[in-house]
Amino acid sequence: MSSRLLDRIQIKQLMARTYVGFKEWEREKQQDVAISLILYADLRVACRSDDVADTIDYKELKMKILKMVENKRFLLIEKMAADIADICLAEPRVARVDVVVDKLSALRFAKSVSVAITRERDDDTP
C-alpha cells in the first residue's frame, strides 16, 4: 500500500456467544461478547465500479469470524481479538485492522470489559 490514507469499513458490535474466561466457573457456560472492527483498505476501485467483487465481502468475513469465535474456547479476550485480526488480515484487501472485543457483564457494575488491538499485514512481532 502507498502512504495515502486508507479507506475504512466498520462493523460495530457483532454479537456472539462463546466460552471465554480463565476462571473455571467462566468456562461452564457461553458468554456474550460484542466484536467491533475497522478494516483499512484501498476502496477506490470499488467506489468506481460499484461491484462487490472489488471490495471486502464483509458478510463472508462476518461468517468466518462467528464460526471461529462460536466454536473455540478462549481463556482471554486478548487471544480472541488476535485470532479475529488474523482472519481479517487473511483477506488480501485488508491492510490493517482494529479489533475491539467487549466481554459483556465481565465486571459487576460495568457494562463490559474490552480489549482493543491493531494489527497490520506485515506485523508479526509481539
Protein backbone atom coordinates (compact mmCIF):
# COMPACT_ATOMS: atom_id res chain seq x y z
CA MET A 1 0.00 0.00 0.00
CA SER A 2 1.07 3.55 -0.60
CA SER A 3 1.37 6.16 2.11
CA ARG A 4 -2.05 7.60 1.23
CA LEU A 5 -4.78 7.37 3.83
CA LEU A 6 -6.73 4.15 3.64
CA ASP A 7 -10.49 3.87 3.48
CA ARG A 8 -12.40 2.11 6.25
CA ILE A 9 -15.17 -0.43 6.57
CA GLN A 10 -16.61 -0.65 10.07
CA ILE A 11 -18.54 -3.49 11.68
CA LYS A 12 -20.00 -2.41 15.01
CA GLN A 13 -20.99 -4.67 17.87
CA LEU A 14 -21.22 -8.04 16.14
CA MET A 15 -22.78 -10.19 18.85
CA ALA A 16 -21.57 -13.73 19.56
CA ARG A 17 -21.72 -16.33 22.31
CA THR A 18 -18.61 -18.23 23.26
CA TYR A 19 -16.72 -19.85 26.09
CA VAL A 20 -14.27 -17.30 27.45
CA GLY A 21 -12.52 -16.86 30.78
CA PHE A 22 -9.62 -18.17 32.79
CA LYS A 23 -11.67 -18.99 35.88
CA GLU A 24 -13.32 -22.39 35.95
CA TRP A 25 -16.82 -21.03 36.51
CA GLU A 26 -16.44 -18.78 33.43
CA ARG A 27 -15.84 -21.82 31.22
CA GLU A 28 -19.02 -23.62 32.27
CA LYS A 29 -21.40 -21.71 30.00
CA GLN A 30 -21.20 -19.48 26.96
CA GLN A 31 -20.95 -15.76 27.48
CA ASP A 32 -21.92 -12.82 25.30
CA VAL A 33 -19.24 -10.83 23.52
CA ALA A 34 -19.52 -7.87 21.16
CA ILE A 35 -16.96 -7.56 18.37
CA SER A 36 -16.24 -4.30 16.55
CA LEU A 37 -13.88 -3.95 13.60
CA ILE A 38 -12.38 -1.26 11.46
CA LEU A 39 -10.97 -2.71 8.24
CA TYR A 40 -8.49 -0.43 6.46
CA ALA A 41 -8.23 -0.87 2.69
CA ASP A 42 -7.95 1.00 -0.57
CA LEU A 43 -11.55 1.05 -1.79
CA ARG A 44 -11.12 3.36 -4.79
CA VAL A 45 -11.72 0.61 -7.36
CA ALA A 46 -14.94 -0.47 -5.64
CA CYS A 47 -16.07 3.15 -5.41
CA ARG A 48 -15.72 3.48 -9.19
CA SER A 49 -17.03 0.06 -10.24
CA ASP A 50 -19.89 -0.37 -7.74
CA ASP A 51 -19.06 -4.10 -7.86
CA VAL A 52 -18.86 -6.29 -4.74
CA ALA A 53 -16.01 -8.22 -6.37
CA ASP A 54 -13.85 -5.10 -5.96
CA THR A 55 -14.31 -4.68 -2.22
CA ILE A 56 -14.16 -6.66 1.01
CA ASP A 57 -17.06 -9.07 1.35
CA TYR A 58 -17.88 -8.21 4.94
CA LYS A 59 -20.77 -10.67 5.13
CA GLU A 60 -18.39 -13.53 4.30
CA LEU A 61 -15.84 -12.13 6.76
CA LYS A 62 -18.51 -11.93 9.47
CA MET A 63 -19.40 -15.58 8.92
CA LYS A 64 -15.75 -16.65 9.27
CA ILE A 65 -15.36 -14.67 12.48
CA LEU A 66 -18.56 -16.03 14.03
CA LYS A 67 -17.69 -19.60 13.09
CA MET A 68 -14.30 -19.31 14.77
CA VAL A 69 -15.49 -17.45 17.88
CA GLU A 70 -18.50 -19.67 18.50
CA ASN A 71 -16.59 -22.93 18.00
CA LYS A 72 -13.47 -22.20 20.03
CA ARG A 73 -12.77 -21.75 23.73
CA PHE A 74 -10.67 -18.86 24.98
CA LEU A 75 -9.02 -18.06 28.27
CA LEU A 76 -8.50 -14.41 27.32
CA ILE A 77 -10.35 -11.92 25.13
CA GLU A 78 -6.87 -10.77 24.06
CA LYS A 79 -6.39 -14.11 22.27
CA MET A 80 -9.85 -13.87 20.73
CA ALA A 81 -9.07 -10.40 19.38
CA ALA A 82 -5.77 -11.61 17.88
CA ASP A 83 -7.46 -14.58 16.20
CA ILE A 84 -10.12 -12.27 14.76
CA ALA A 85 -7.38 -9.95 13.44
CA ASP A 86 -5.71 -12.92 11.74
CA ILE A 87 -8.97 -13.80 9.94
CA CYS A 88 -9.35 -10.19 8.77
CA LEU A 89 -5.76 -9.94 7.52
CA ALA A 90 -6.19 -13.15 5.54
CA GLU A 91 -8.42 -11.06 3.24
CA PRO A 92 -5.94 -9.67 0.68
CA ARG A 93 -7.52 -6.21 0.51
CA VAL A 94 -7.24 -5.58 4.28
CA ALA A 95 -4.02 -3.70 5.07
CA ARG A 96 -4.75 -3.04 8.74
CA VAL A 97 -7.48 -3.90 11.22
CA ASP A 98 -8.63 -2.54 14.56
CA VAL A 99 -10.43 -5.15 16.66
CA VAL A 100 -12.37 -4.45 19.85
CA VAL A 101 -13.80 -7.35 21.84
CA ASP A 102 -16.21 -6.47 24.65
CA LYS A 103 -16.90 -9.16 27.22
CA LEU A 104 -20.34 -8.14 28.41
CA SER A 105 -21.04 -8.22 32.14
CA ALA A 106 -17.45 -9.25 32.92
CA LEU A 107 -17.31 -6.98 35.95
CA ARG A 108 -20.01 -6.22 38.44
CA PHE A 109 -21.33 -2.66 37.94
CA ALA A 110 -19.68 -2.39 34.49
CA LYS A 111 -21.45 -2.88 31.18
CA SER A 112 -18.39 -4.60 29.71
CA VAL A 113 -14.64 -5.01 29.70
CA SER A 114 -12.94 -4.63 26.34
CA VAL A 115 -9.63 -5.24 24.65
CA ALA A 116 -8.66 -3.20 21.58
CA ILE A 117 -5.84 -4.24 19.27
CA THR A 118 -4.48 -3.04 15.93
CA ARG A 119 -2.69 -5.35 13.52
CA GLU A 120 -1.16 -4.71 10.11
CA ARG A 121 -0.49 -7.10 7.28
CA ASP A 122 3.27 -7.22 7.93
CA ASP A 123 3.00 -7.07 11.72
CA ASP A 124 4.38 -10.37 13.01
CA THR A 125 6.28 -9.26 16.09
CA PRO A 126 4.83 -9.37 19.62
